[in-house]
Amino acid sequence: MSDAKIALDAVFGVKAGMTRVFDENGNHIPVTVVKIIPNLITQVKTTDKDGYNAYQVGYGEKREALLNKPNKGILAKAGVSKNVTHFSEVKSDAVEASNLGKEVDIATFTPGTYVDVTGESKGKGFAGVMKRYNFRGGPASHGSHFHRRVGSIGNRATPGRVFRGKKMPGHMGVDQKTVQNMVVVEVNLAKGYLLLKGSVPGGKEGFIKISKAMKK
C-alpha cells in the first residue's frame, strides 16, 4: 500500500457521539464527533470498462477471519494490507489506475467548509402513523373510538383498493438519510477526529459519509 494520499469529494467516518464546544465569543455550539478512519482505494472504475469513472473506497477494518474470499481478492489485487469490510463508490471526473491502494486524504475538509452528511437512521421498530408520519390523531375525550388510528385508507367500489404508497403503520427507521450544508467546526488529525456542527443521522459507532455540499 502506498503512503501517498489522494483527495476525493467524499470520505467515510464513524459517528462517535455528540458534545459541545465554545467559539471565541463564548457561544455554545453543539457538535457531532466523527472518528477518522482509513479510507483506501480498492478499485478504480473507468468509462472504458465500467461505463463511468469512480473509485471504490474500502473502510471499516476488522480481523482477517471476518473477510470473505471475494473481498480478500479485491484487497490483494489493490495491494491493501488492512482488512476492510465495507466498500462504497465515490464518483470522480477523472481517475488514474496509479491511485489503486492509496489512502483518501481527510485534510481536504477544512474548518468552515460546508458538507453533506449521509448515514443510516436509528431503527424505531413497528410504529403507528402518529409517530411515523406526525398524524394529528382523533379526539382524546372519553367515548371516542378514534384516538391514534389511521382513519379511512381507501375508497368505495371504485377503485376498490388501497393506493400504493398510502401512509400506514409499519417499520420505522433504518433508512438512508442525508443532512445538507453542515459546517465543519474542527479537524484534528493528530487525535483522529473531526467536529461537525449539529447532529447527524444514526447511532454511535455507525458509519457516515461526509461529502462536499451540493448546494453551496
N, C-alpha and C. Protein backbone atom coordinates (compact mmCIF):
# COMPACT_ATOMS: atom_id res chain seq x y z
N MET A 1 0.85 -1.20 0.00
CA MET A 1 0.00 0.00 0.00
C MET A 1 0.88 1.25 0.00
N SER A 2 0.54 2.17 -0.87
CA SER A 2 1.33 3.40 -1.00
C SER A 2 1.04 4.35 0.14
N ASP A 3 2.07 5.12 0.52
CA ASP A 3 1.92 6.12 1.58
C ASP A 3 1.29 7.41 1.06
N ALA A 4 1.25 7.57 -0.27
CA ALA A 4 0.67 8.78 -0.85
C ALA A 4 -0.84 8.79 -0.63
N LYS A 5 -1.39 10.00 -0.58
CA LYS A 5 -2.82 10.16 -0.39
C LYS A 5 -3.41 10.94 -1.55
N ILE A 6 -4.70 10.71 -1.79
CA ILE A 6 -5.39 11.45 -2.84
C ILE A 6 -6.62 12.14 -2.24
N ALA A 7 -7.07 13.18 -2.90
CA ALA A 7 -8.23 13.94 -2.44
C ALA A 7 -9.46 13.53 -3.24
N LEU A 8 -10.55 13.22 -2.54
CA LEU A 8 -11.83 12.89 -3.16
C LEU A 8 -12.91 13.82 -2.62
N ASP A 9 -14.06 13.77 -3.25
CA ASP A 9 -15.18 14.61 -2.83
C ASP A 9 -15.93 14.03 -1.63
N ALA A 10 -15.55 12.84 -1.17
CA ALA A 10 -16.26 12.23 -0.05
C ALA A 10 -15.31 11.32 0.72
N VAL A 11 -15.54 11.23 2.04
CA VAL A 11 -14.81 10.31 2.90
C VAL A 11 -15.81 9.66 3.85
N PHE A 12 -15.39 8.57 4.47
CA PHE A 12 -16.24 7.83 5.39
C PHE A 12 -15.62 7.82 6.78
N GLY A 13 -16.47 8.00 7.78
CA GLY A 13 -16.02 8.01 9.17
C GLY A 13 -17.00 7.28 10.06
N VAL A 14 -16.73 7.33 11.35
CA VAL A 14 -17.57 6.66 12.35
C VAL A 14 -18.10 7.70 13.32
N LYS A 15 -19.41 7.69 13.53
CA LYS A 15 -20.02 8.61 14.49
C LYS A 15 -19.66 8.17 15.90
N ALA A 16 -18.97 9.04 16.64
CA ALA A 16 -18.53 8.72 18.00
C ALA A 16 -19.47 9.26 19.07
N GLY A 17 -20.35 10.19 18.71
CA GLY A 17 -21.26 10.78 19.70
C GLY A 17 -21.34 12.28 19.52
N MET A 18 -21.92 12.96 20.53
CA MET A 18 -22.07 14.41 20.47
C MET A 18 -21.47 15.06 21.71
N THR A 19 -21.07 16.31 21.54
CA THR A 19 -20.56 17.10 22.66
C THR A 19 -20.82 18.57 22.30
N ARG A 20 -20.13 19.46 22.98
CA ARG A 20 -20.29 20.88 22.67
C ARG A 20 -18.94 21.57 22.76
N VAL A 21 -18.82 22.65 22.02
CA VAL A 21 -17.62 23.47 22.06
C VAL A 21 -18.08 24.93 22.16
N PHE A 22 -17.12 25.80 22.43
CA PHE A 22 -17.42 27.23 22.53
C PHE A 22 -16.54 28.00 21.55
N ASP A 23 -17.14 28.95 20.87
CA ASP A 23 -16.36 29.75 19.94
C ASP A 23 -15.64 30.88 20.68
N GLU A 24 -14.97 31.76 19.93
CA GLU A 24 -14.18 32.82 20.54
C GLU A 24 -15.04 33.84 21.29
N ASN A 25 -16.33 33.87 20.98
CA ASN A 25 -17.25 34.78 21.67
C ASN A 25 -17.96 34.13 22.85
N GLY A 26 -17.64 32.88 23.12
CA GLY A 26 -18.27 32.17 24.22
C GLY A 26 -19.61 31.55 23.89
N ASN A 27 -19.96 31.52 22.61
CA ASN A 27 -21.23 30.92 22.20
C ASN A 27 -21.14 29.41 22.21
N HIS A 28 -22.19 28.78 22.71
CA HIS A 28 -22.25 27.32 22.79
C HIS A 28 -22.62 26.72 21.43
N ILE A 29 -21.83 25.74 20.96
CA ILE A 29 -22.06 25.12 19.66
C ILE A 29 -22.17 23.60 19.87
N PRO A 30 -23.34 23.00 19.63
CA PRO A 30 -23.44 21.52 19.69
C PRO A 30 -22.78 20.90 18.47
N VAL A 31 -21.97 19.88 18.68
CA VAL A 31 -21.22 19.27 17.58
C VAL A 31 -21.30 17.75 17.67
N THR A 32 -21.18 17.14 16.51
CA THR A 32 -21.05 15.68 16.41
C THR A 32 -19.58 15.33 16.23
N VAL A 33 -19.11 14.39 17.01
CA VAL A 33 -17.72 13.94 16.91
C VAL A 33 -17.65 12.76 15.93
N VAL A 34 -16.83 12.90 14.91
CA VAL A 34 -16.66 11.86 13.90
C VAL A 34 -15.24 11.31 13.99
N LYS A 35 -15.13 10.02 14.20
CA LYS A 35 -13.82 9.38 14.27
C LYS A 35 -13.27 9.18 12.86
N ILE A 36 -12.05 9.63 12.64
CA ILE A 36 -11.41 9.50 11.33
C ILE A 36 -10.83 8.09 11.21
N ILE A 37 -11.22 7.39 10.15
CA ILE A 37 -10.73 6.03 9.90
C ILE A 37 -10.07 5.98 8.54
N PRO A 38 -9.21 4.99 8.30
CA PRO A 38 -8.56 4.88 6.98
C PRO A 38 -9.58 4.62 5.88
N ASN A 39 -9.46 5.39 4.80
CA ASN A 39 -10.25 5.18 3.58
C ASN A 39 -9.27 4.81 2.48
N LEU A 40 -9.40 3.62 1.91
CA LEU A 40 -8.42 3.11 0.97
C LEU A 40 -9.06 2.84 -0.39
N ILE A 41 -8.34 3.19 -1.45
CA ILE A 41 -8.82 2.93 -2.81
C ILE A 41 -8.61 1.45 -3.13
N THR A 42 -9.72 0.73 -3.29
CA THR A 42 -9.62 -0.72 -3.53
C THR A 42 -9.92 -1.09 -4.98
N GLN A 43 -10.60 -0.23 -5.72
CA GLN A 43 -10.83 -0.47 -7.14
C GLN A 43 -10.92 0.87 -7.87
N VAL A 44 -10.57 0.84 -9.13
CA VAL A 44 -10.69 2.03 -9.99
C VAL A 44 -11.65 1.69 -11.12
N LYS A 45 -12.77 2.40 -11.18
CA LYS A 45 -13.78 2.19 -12.21
C LYS A 45 -13.53 3.18 -13.36
N THR A 46 -13.50 2.68 -14.58
CA THR A 46 -13.22 3.53 -15.73
C THR A 46 -14.39 3.49 -16.73
N THR A 47 -14.46 4.51 -17.55
CA THR A 47 -15.53 4.59 -18.54
C THR A 47 -15.41 3.47 -19.56
N ASP A 48 -14.19 3.13 -19.95
CA ASP A 48 -13.99 2.08 -20.96
C ASP A 48 -14.47 0.72 -20.47
N LYS A 49 -14.21 0.42 -19.21
CA LYS A 49 -14.53 -0.91 -18.70
C LYS A 49 -15.88 -0.97 -17.99
N ASP A 50 -16.22 0.08 -17.21
CA ASP A 50 -17.42 0.04 -16.38
C ASP A 50 -18.50 1.01 -16.82
N GLY A 51 -18.19 1.93 -17.74
CA GLY A 51 -19.18 2.87 -18.21
C GLY A 51 -19.22 4.17 -17.44
N TYR A 52 -18.40 4.31 -16.40
CA TYR A 52 -18.35 5.55 -15.61
C TYR A 52 -17.02 5.59 -14.86
N ASN A 53 -16.66 6.79 -14.40
CA ASN A 53 -15.43 6.96 -13.64
C ASN A 53 -15.75 7.05 -12.15
N ALA A 54 -15.08 6.24 -11.36
CA ALA A 54 -15.30 6.26 -9.91
C ALA A 54 -14.18 5.48 -9.23
N TYR A 55 -14.05 5.76 -7.94
CA TYR A 55 -13.14 5.00 -7.09
C TYR A 55 -13.97 4.19 -6.09
N GLN A 56 -13.63 2.93 -5.93
CA GLN A 56 -14.23 2.15 -4.85
C GLN A 56 -13.38 2.34 -3.60
N VAL A 57 -14.01 2.78 -2.52
CA VAL A 57 -13.31 3.08 -1.27
C VAL A 57 -13.65 2.00 -0.24
N GLY A 58 -12.61 1.44 0.37
CA GLY A 58 -12.79 0.45 1.42
C GLY A 58 -12.51 1.07 2.78
N TYR A 59 -13.34 0.72 3.76
CA TYR A 59 -13.19 1.27 5.11
C TYR A 59 -13.80 0.29 6.10
N GLY A 60 -13.63 0.53 7.39
CA GLY A 60 -14.18 -0.35 8.42
C GLY A 60 -13.35 -1.61 8.60
N GLU A 61 -12.22 -1.47 9.29
CA GLU A 61 -11.28 -2.58 9.43
C GLU A 61 -11.75 -3.58 10.50
N LYS A 62 -11.65 -4.87 10.18
CA LYS A 62 -11.96 -5.94 11.12
C LYS A 62 -10.87 -7.01 11.05
N ARG A 63 -11.00 -8.02 11.89
CA ARG A 63 -9.98 -9.07 11.87
C ARG A 63 -10.12 -9.92 10.61
N GLU A 64 -9.02 -10.55 10.22
CA GLU A 64 -8.96 -11.24 8.93
C GLU A 64 -9.99 -12.37 8.82
N ALA A 65 -10.34 -12.99 9.93
CA ALA A 65 -11.27 -14.12 9.89
C ALA A 65 -12.65 -13.70 9.39
N LEU A 66 -12.98 -12.43 9.45
CA LEU A 66 -14.30 -11.95 9.03
C LEU A 66 -14.34 -11.54 7.57
N LEU A 67 -13.22 -11.66 6.86
CA LEU A 67 -13.17 -11.35 5.44
C LEU A 67 -13.61 -12.56 4.62
N ASN A 68 -14.43 -12.32 3.59
CA ASN A 68 -14.76 -13.42 2.69
C ASN A 68 -13.76 -13.46 1.53
N LYS A 69 -13.81 -14.52 0.77
CA LYS A 69 -12.81 -14.72 -0.28
C LYS A 69 -12.87 -13.67 -1.38
N PRO A 70 -14.06 -13.26 -1.85
CA PRO A 70 -14.07 -12.20 -2.88
C PRO A 70 -13.42 -10.91 -2.41
N ASN A 71 -13.69 -10.50 -1.16
CA ASN A 71 -13.09 -9.27 -0.65
C ASN A 71 -11.59 -9.43 -0.46
N LYS A 72 -11.15 -10.62 -0.06
CA LYS A 72 -9.71 -10.86 0.06
C LYS A 72 -9.03 -10.68 -1.29
N GLY A 73 -9.69 -11.15 -2.36
CA GLY A 73 -9.13 -10.99 -3.70
C GLY A 73 -9.05 -9.54 -4.12
N ILE A 74 -10.09 -8.75 -3.78
CA ILE A 74 -10.10 -7.33 -4.12
C ILE A 74 -8.95 -6.61 -3.41
N LEU A 75 -8.78 -6.91 -2.12
CA LEU A 75 -7.73 -6.24 -1.35
C LEU A 75 -6.34 -6.65 -1.82
N ALA A 76 -6.18 -7.93 -2.16
CA ALA A 76 -4.88 -8.40 -2.63
C ALA A 76 -4.51 -7.76 -3.96
N LYS A 77 -5.50 -7.62 -4.84
CA LYS A 77 -5.23 -7.01 -6.15
C LYS A 77 -4.89 -5.54 -6.01
N ALA A 78 -5.50 -4.88 -4.99
CA ALA A 78 -5.22 -3.46 -4.78
C ALA A 78 -3.96 -3.23 -3.96
N GLY A 79 -3.42 -4.27 -3.38
CA GLY A 79 -2.23 -4.12 -2.55
C GLY A 79 -2.53 -3.49 -1.20
N VAL A 80 -3.76 -3.70 -0.69
CA VAL A 80 -4.18 -3.14 0.59
C VAL A 80 -3.97 -4.18 1.67
N SER A 81 -3.24 -3.82 2.72
CA SER A 81 -2.93 -4.76 3.79
C SER A 81 -3.97 -4.76 4.90
N LYS A 82 -4.76 -3.69 4.99
CA LYS A 82 -5.77 -3.61 6.04
C LYS A 82 -7.00 -4.44 5.67
N ASN A 83 -7.63 -5.05 6.67
CA ASN A 83 -8.78 -5.92 6.45
C ASN A 83 -10.08 -5.11 6.51
N VAL A 84 -10.33 -4.33 5.46
CA VAL A 84 -11.55 -3.52 5.42
C VAL A 84 -12.70 -4.38 4.91
N THR A 85 -13.89 -4.14 5.44
CA THR A 85 -15.05 -4.97 5.12
C THR A 85 -16.20 -4.19 4.51
N HIS A 86 -16.11 -2.86 4.44
CA HIS A 86 -17.16 -2.06 3.84
C HIS A 86 -16.60 -1.36 2.59
N PHE A 87 -17.42 -1.33 1.54
CA PHE A 87 -16.98 -0.76 0.28
C PHE A 87 -18.07 0.15 -0.29
N SER A 88 -17.68 1.32 -0.74
CA SER A 88 -18.59 2.26 -1.37
C SER A 88 -17.85 2.96 -2.51
N GLU A 89 -18.62 3.47 -3.46
CA GLU A 89 -18.04 4.13 -4.60
C GLU A 89 -18.19 5.64 -4.50
N VAL A 90 -17.17 6.34 -4.92
CA VAL A 90 -17.18 7.80 -4.99
C VAL A 90 -16.85 8.18 -6.42
N LYS A 91 -17.81 8.84 -7.09
CA LYS A 91 -17.60 9.21 -8.48
C LYS A 91 -16.57 10.33 -8.60
N SER A 92 -15.87 10.31 -9.70
CA SER A 92 -14.84 11.31 -9.96
C SER A 92 -14.82 11.63 -11.45
N ASP A 93 -14.52 12.87 -11.78
CA ASP A 93 -14.49 13.27 -13.19
C ASP A 93 -13.38 12.54 -13.94
N ALA A 94 -12.25 12.34 -13.27
CA ALA A 94 -11.12 11.65 -13.88
C ALA A 94 -10.50 10.70 -12.87
N VAL A 95 -10.10 9.56 -13.32
CA VAL A 95 -9.49 8.56 -12.43
C VAL A 95 -8.14 8.12 -13.02
N GLU A 96 -7.29 7.64 -12.13
CA GLU A 96 -5.98 7.13 -12.54
C GLU A 96 -5.75 5.79 -11.88
N ALA A 97 -5.29 4.83 -12.67
CA ALA A 97 -5.03 3.49 -12.15
C ALA A 97 -3.92 3.48 -11.11
N SER A 98 -3.04 4.48 -11.16
CA SER A 98 -1.92 4.55 -10.21
C SER A 98 -2.39 4.85 -8.79
N ASN A 99 -3.64 5.30 -8.64
CA ASN A 99 -4.15 5.60 -7.30
C ASN A 99 -4.64 4.37 -6.56
N LEU A 100 -4.62 3.22 -7.19
CA LEU A 100 -5.07 1.99 -6.54
C LEU A 100 -4.23 1.69 -5.31
N GLY A 101 -4.88 1.49 -4.17
CA GLY A 101 -4.19 1.18 -2.93
C GLY A 101 -3.85 2.40 -2.10
N LYS A 102 -4.04 3.61 -2.64
CA LYS A 102 -3.72 4.82 -1.89
C LYS A 102 -4.82 5.14 -0.87
N GLU A 103 -4.49 5.99 0.10
CA GLU A 103 -5.43 6.39 1.14
C GLU A 103 -6.04 7.75 0.77
N VAL A 104 -7.32 7.91 1.12
CA VAL A 104 -8.02 9.16 0.84
C VAL A 104 -7.62 10.19 1.89
N ASP A 105 -7.36 11.40 1.45
CA ASP A 105 -6.90 12.46 2.33
C ASP A 105 -8.09 13.18 2.95
N ILE A 106 -8.16 13.18 4.29
CA ILE A 106 -9.24 13.86 5.02
C ILE A 106 -8.98 15.35 5.14
N ALA A 107 -7.75 15.77 4.89
CA ALA A 107 -7.38 17.17 5.10
C ALA A 107 -8.07 18.12 4.14
N THR A 108 -8.72 17.60 3.10
CA THR A 108 -9.42 18.48 2.17
C THR A 108 -10.65 19.12 2.81
N PHE A 109 -11.18 18.51 3.88
CA PHE A 109 -12.33 19.07 4.57
C PHE A 109 -11.85 19.95 5.72
N THR A 110 -11.64 21.20 5.41
CA THR A 110 -11.07 22.13 6.38
C THR A 110 -12.18 22.79 7.19
N PRO A 111 -11.86 23.32 8.38
CA PRO A 111 -12.87 24.01 9.21
C PRO A 111 -13.51 25.17 8.45
N GLY A 112 -14.82 25.29 8.59
CA GLY A 112 -15.56 26.34 7.91
C GLY A 112 -16.20 25.93 6.61
N THR A 113 -15.82 24.77 6.07
CA THR A 113 -16.41 24.31 4.82
C THR A 113 -17.76 23.63 5.08
N TYR A 114 -18.61 23.64 4.06
CA TYR A 114 -19.93 23.03 4.15
C TYR A 114 -19.88 21.62 3.56
N VAL A 115 -20.54 20.69 4.23
CA VAL A 115 -20.55 19.30 3.79
C VAL A 115 -21.97 18.73 3.89
N ASP A 116 -22.22 17.68 3.14
CA ASP A 116 -23.45 16.88 3.26
C ASP A 116 -23.08 15.58 3.95
N VAL A 117 -23.87 15.19 4.93
CA VAL A 117 -23.58 14.01 5.74
C VAL A 117 -24.69 12.99 5.56
N THR A 118 -24.32 11.78 5.17
CA THR A 118 -25.28 10.70 4.94
C THR A 118 -25.02 9.57 5.92
N GLY A 119 -26.10 9.08 6.54
CA GLY A 119 -25.99 7.98 7.48
C GLY A 119 -27.28 7.18 7.50
N GLU A 120 -27.26 6.10 8.26
CA GLU A 120 -28.44 5.24 8.41
C GLU A 120 -29.13 5.58 9.71
N SER A 121 -30.39 6.00 9.62
CA SER A 121 -31.12 6.45 10.80
C SER A 121 -31.34 5.31 11.78
N LYS A 122 -31.58 5.66 13.04
CA LYS A 122 -31.82 4.67 14.09
C LYS A 122 -33.11 3.90 13.82
N GLY A 123 -33.11 2.62 14.13
CA GLY A 123 -34.30 1.80 13.97
C GLY A 123 -35.28 2.05 15.11
N LYS A 124 -36.55 2.26 14.77
CA LYS A 124 -37.60 2.50 15.77
C LYS A 124 -38.57 1.34 15.89
N GLY A 125 -38.38 0.29 15.09
CA GLY A 125 -39.30 -0.83 15.13
C GLY A 125 -40.60 -0.51 14.43
N PHE A 126 -41.68 -1.23 14.81
CA PHE A 126 -43.00 -1.02 14.23
C PHE A 126 -43.64 0.20 14.89
N ALA A 127 -44.06 1.17 14.10
CA ALA A 127 -44.60 2.42 14.64
C ALA A 127 -45.91 2.76 13.95
N GLY A 128 -46.76 3.47 14.70
CA GLY A 128 -48.03 3.92 14.15
C GLY A 128 -47.87 5.19 13.35
N VAL A 129 -48.99 5.66 12.78
CA VAL A 129 -48.92 6.80 11.88
C VAL A 129 -48.64 8.11 12.62
N MET A 130 -49.01 8.21 13.89
CA MET A 130 -48.75 9.45 14.62
C MET A 130 -47.25 9.63 14.86
N LYS A 131 -46.57 8.56 15.19
CA LYS A 131 -45.12 8.63 15.40
C LYS A 131 -44.37 8.64 14.07
N ARG A 132 -44.85 7.86 13.14
CA ARG A 132 -44.14 7.67 11.88
C ARG A 132 -44.29 8.84 10.92
N TYR A 133 -45.50 9.42 10.86
CA TYR A 133 -45.77 10.47 9.89
C TYR A 133 -46.34 11.74 10.51
N ASN A 134 -46.36 11.82 11.83
CA ASN A 134 -46.86 13.01 12.54
C ASN A 134 -48.34 13.28 12.26
N PHE A 135 -49.14 12.22 12.15
CA PHE A 135 -50.58 12.41 12.03
C PHE A 135 -51.12 13.05 13.32
N ARG A 136 -52.18 13.82 13.19
CA ARG A 136 -52.74 14.51 14.34
C ARG A 136 -53.47 13.57 15.29
N GLY A 137 -54.14 12.56 14.77
CA GLY A 137 -54.93 11.65 15.60
C GLY A 137 -56.34 12.18 15.81
N GLY A 138 -57.14 11.39 16.51
CA GLY A 138 -58.52 11.76 16.75
C GLY A 138 -58.73 12.39 18.11
N PRO A 139 -59.99 12.61 18.50
CA PRO A 139 -60.29 13.21 19.80
C PRO A 139 -59.76 12.37 20.95
N ALA A 140 -59.26 13.01 21.99
CA ALA A 140 -58.73 12.29 23.15
C ALA A 140 -59.78 12.11 24.23
N SER A 141 -60.99 12.59 23.99
CA SER A 141 -62.03 12.54 25.02
C SER A 141 -62.60 11.15 25.18
N HIS A 142 -63.31 10.92 26.30
CA HIS A 142 -63.96 9.64 26.57
C HIS A 142 -65.08 9.42 25.56
N GLY A 143 -65.26 8.16 25.21
CA GLY A 143 -66.33 7.83 24.27
C GLY A 143 -65.88 7.79 22.83
N SER A 144 -64.78 8.41 22.53
CA SER A 144 -64.28 8.37 21.16
C SER A 144 -63.58 7.04 20.91
N HIS A 145 -63.84 6.47 19.76
CA HIS A 145 -63.17 5.22 19.37
C HIS A 145 -62.07 5.48 18.34
N PHE A 146 -61.71 6.75 18.20
CA PHE A 146 -60.69 7.12 17.21
C PHE A 146 -59.66 8.01 17.89
N HIS A 147 -58.58 7.39 18.38
CA HIS A 147 -57.55 8.12 19.10
C HIS A 147 -56.26 8.23 18.27
N ARG A 148 -55.62 7.09 18.03
CA ARG A 148 -54.33 7.09 17.33
C ARG A 148 -54.37 6.23 16.06
N ARG A 149 -55.55 5.93 15.60
CA ARG A 149 -55.68 5.04 14.45
C ARG A 149 -55.45 5.81 13.14
N VAL A 150 -55.40 5.04 12.05
CA VAL A 150 -55.10 5.61 10.74
C VAL A 150 -56.28 6.41 10.20
N GLY A 151 -57.47 5.89 10.35
CA GLY A 151 -58.61 6.51 9.69
C GLY A 151 -58.89 5.83 8.36
N SER A 152 -59.67 6.45 7.51
CA SER A 152 -60.02 5.87 6.22
C SER A 152 -58.78 5.74 5.34
N ILE A 153 -58.64 4.58 4.69
CA ILE A 153 -57.46 4.34 3.85
C ILE A 153 -57.82 4.11 2.40
N GLY A 154 -59.12 3.99 2.07
CA GLY A 154 -59.46 3.69 0.68
C GLY A 154 -60.74 4.36 0.24
N ASN A 155 -61.22 3.95 -0.91
CA ASN A 155 -62.45 4.47 -1.47
C ASN A 155 -63.55 3.41 -1.44
N ARG A 156 -64.59 3.62 -2.23
CA ARG A 156 -65.65 2.64 -2.28
C ARG A 156 -65.40 1.64 -3.41
N ALA A 157 -66.40 1.29 -4.15
CA ALA A 157 -66.23 0.25 -5.17
C ALA A 157 -65.23 0.65 -6.26
N THR A 158 -65.08 1.96 -6.43
CA THR A 158 -64.13 2.43 -7.44
C THR A 158 -63.06 3.27 -6.75
N PRO A 159 -61.77 2.92 -6.77
CA PRO A 159 -61.20 1.76 -7.48
C PRO A 159 -61.23 0.47 -6.66
N GLY A 160 -61.74 0.50 -5.43
CA GLY A 160 -61.87 -0.74 -4.67
C GLY A 160 -60.55 -1.30 -4.17
N ARG A 161 -59.59 -0.45 -3.95
CA ARG A 161 -58.29 -0.90 -3.44
C ARG A 161 -57.60 0.25 -2.73
N VAL A 162 -56.53 -0.07 -2.03
CA VAL A 162 -55.73 0.95 -1.35
C VAL A 162 -54.56 1.32 -2.27
N PHE A 163 -54.39 2.60 -2.48
CA PHE A 163 -53.33 3.05 -3.38
C PHE A 163 -51.95 2.75 -2.81
N ARG A 164 -51.05 2.43 -3.71
CA ARG A 164 -49.67 2.18 -3.32
C ARG A 164 -49.05 3.46 -2.73
N GLY A 165 -48.29 3.31 -1.63
CA GLY A 165 -47.65 4.45 -1.00
C GLY A 165 -48.48 5.12 0.06
N LYS A 166 -49.65 4.57 0.36
CA LYS A 166 -50.50 5.13 1.41
C LYS A 166 -49.76 5.11 2.74
N LYS A 167 -49.82 6.21 3.47
CA LYS A 167 -49.14 6.29 4.75
C LYS A 167 -49.89 5.47 5.80
N MET A 168 -49.22 4.41 6.27
CA MET A 168 -49.84 3.48 7.21
C MET A 168 -48.80 3.05 8.24
N PRO A 169 -49.24 2.38 9.32
CA PRO A 169 -48.25 1.88 10.30
C PRO A 169 -47.28 0.91 9.65
N GLY A 170 -46.07 0.85 10.18
CA GLY A 170 -45.08 -0.07 9.64
C GLY A 170 -43.71 0.17 10.24
N HIS A 171 -42.72 -0.44 9.62
CA HIS A 171 -41.34 -0.35 10.11
C HIS A 171 -40.82 1.07 9.96
N MET A 172 -40.24 1.59 11.03
CA MET A 172 -39.74 2.97 11.03
C MET A 172 -38.25 2.98 11.33
N GLY A 173 -37.53 3.80 10.62
CA GLY A 173 -36.09 3.92 10.83
C GLY A 173 -35.30 3.02 9.91
N VAL A 174 -33.97 2.97 10.13
CA VAL A 174 -33.03 2.21 9.31
C VAL A 174 -33.15 2.63 7.85
N ASP A 175 -33.26 3.93 7.63
CA ASP A 175 -33.33 4.50 6.29
C ASP A 175 -32.09 5.36 6.05
N GLN A 176 -31.69 5.46 4.81
CA GLN A 176 -30.58 6.35 4.47
C GLN A 176 -31.06 7.79 4.48
N LYS A 177 -30.44 8.60 5.34
CA LYS A 177 -30.81 9.99 5.49
C LYS A 177 -29.59 10.87 5.23
N THR A 178 -29.83 12.03 4.62
CA THR A 178 -28.77 12.98 4.34
C THR A 178 -29.11 14.34 4.93
N VAL A 179 -28.18 14.90 5.67
CA VAL A 179 -28.31 16.26 6.21
C VAL A 179 -27.38 17.15 5.40
N GLN A 180 -27.96 18.18 4.80
CA GLN A 180 -27.18 19.02 3.90
C GLN A 180 -26.64 20.26 4.60
N ASN A 181 -25.55 20.77 4.05
CA ASN A 181 -24.96 22.05 4.44
C ASN A 181 -24.58 22.11 5.92
N MET A 182 -23.94 21.06 6.41
CA MET A 182 -23.38 21.09 7.76
C MET A 182 -22.00 21.74 7.71
N VAL A 183 -21.62 22.37 8.80
CA VAL A 183 -20.35 23.10 8.84
C VAL A 183 -19.31 22.29 9.60
N VAL A 184 -18.12 22.18 9.02
CA VAL A 184 -17.00 21.55 9.72
C VAL A 184 -16.44 22.55 10.73
N VAL A 185 -16.48 22.18 12.00
CA VAL A 185 -16.02 23.08 13.06
C VAL A 185 -14.53 22.90 13.33
N GLU A 186 -14.08 21.67 13.37
CA GLU A 186 -12.67 21.40 13.70
C GLU A 186 -12.24 20.09 13.07
N VAL A 187 -10.98 20.03 12.65
CA VAL A 187 -10.36 18.80 12.15
C VAL A 187 -9.07 18.59 12.92
N ASN A 188 -8.99 17.50 13.68
CA ASN A 188 -7.81 17.19 14.48
C ASN A 188 -7.22 15.88 13.98
N LEU A 189 -6.24 15.98 13.10
CA LEU A 189 -5.63 14.77 12.54
C LEU A 189 -4.77 14.05 13.55
N ALA A 190 -4.18 14.79 14.49
CA ALA A 190 -3.31 14.18 15.49
C ALA A 190 -4.09 13.22 16.39
N LYS A 191 -5.29 13.65 16.79
CA LYS A 191 -6.12 12.81 17.66
C LYS A 191 -7.16 11.99 16.89
N GLY A 192 -7.25 12.22 15.59
CA GLY A 192 -8.09 11.39 14.76
C GLY A 192 -9.58 11.64 14.86
N TYR A 193 -9.98 12.91 14.86
CA TYR A 193 -11.41 13.20 14.88
C TYR A 193 -11.68 14.51 14.17
N LEU A 194 -12.93 14.69 13.78
CA LEU A 194 -13.39 15.99 13.28
C LEU A 194 -14.75 16.28 13.90
N LEU A 195 -15.09 17.57 13.97
CA LEU A 195 -16.33 18.02 14.59
C LEU A 195 -17.22 18.65 13.54
N LEU A 196 -18.49 18.25 13.55
CA LEU A 196 -19.49 18.81 12.66
C LEU A 196 -20.56 19.51 13.48
N LYS A 197 -20.95 20.70 13.07
CA LYS A 197 -21.95 21.46 13.80
C LYS A 197 -23.33 20.82 13.62
N GLY A 198 -23.97 20.47 14.75
CA GLY A 198 -25.29 19.87 14.70
C GLY A 198 -25.23 18.36 14.82
N SER A 199 -26.37 17.72 14.57
CA SER A 199 -26.48 16.27 14.71
C SER A 199 -26.56 15.61 13.33
N VAL A 200 -26.13 14.36 13.27
CA VAL A 200 -26.14 13.60 12.03
C VAL A 200 -26.95 12.32 12.24
N PRO A 201 -27.46 11.73 11.17
CA PRO A 201 -28.29 10.52 11.31
C PRO A 201 -27.50 9.35 11.87
N GLY A 202 -28.22 8.47 12.59
CA GLY A 202 -27.62 7.23 13.06
C GLY A 202 -27.20 7.26 14.50
N GLY A 203 -26.83 6.08 15.01
CA GLY A 203 -26.37 5.94 16.38
C GLY A 203 -24.86 5.91 16.46
N LYS A 204 -24.38 5.77 17.68
CA LYS A 204 -22.93 5.70 17.89
C LYS A 204 -22.35 4.47 17.20
N GLU A 205 -21.11 4.61 16.74
CA GLU A 205 -20.36 3.57 16.05
C GLU A 205 -20.92 3.26 14.66
N GLY A 206 -21.82 4.09 14.18
CA GLY A 206 -22.33 3.90 12.83
C GLY A 206 -21.48 4.63 11.80
N PHE A 207 -21.40 4.08 10.60
CA PHE A 207 -20.62 4.70 9.53
C PHE A 207 -21.41 5.83 8.91
N ILE A 208 -20.74 6.92 8.60
CA ILE A 208 -21.35 8.06 7.93
C ILE A 208 -20.47 8.49 6.76
N LYS A 209 -21.12 9.07 5.77
CA LYS A 209 -20.41 9.58 4.60
C LYS A 209 -20.41 11.09 4.63
N ILE A 210 -19.24 11.68 4.53
CA ILE A 210 -19.08 13.12 4.52
C ILE A 210 -18.63 13.54 3.13
N SER A 211 -19.45 14.33 2.45
CA SER A 211 -19.13 14.73 1.08
C SER A 211 -19.27 16.24 0.93
N LYS A 212 -18.68 16.76 -0.11
CA LYS A 212 -18.77 18.21 -0.37
C LYS A 212 -20.22 18.59 -0.61
N ALA A 213 -20.62 19.74 -0.06
CA ALA A 213 -22.00 20.18 -0.16
C ALA A 213 -22.40 20.41 -1.61
N MET A 214 -23.57 19.88 -1.98
CA MET A 214 -24.03 20.00 -3.36
C MET A 214 -24.68 21.35 -3.64
N LYS A 215 -25.20 22.01 -2.59
CA LYS A 215 -25.97 23.23 -2.78
C LYS A 215 -25.26 24.47 -2.21
N LYS A 216 -23.96 24.39 -2.08
CA LYS A 216 -23.18 25.54 -1.61
C LYS A 216 -22.11 25.90 -2.62
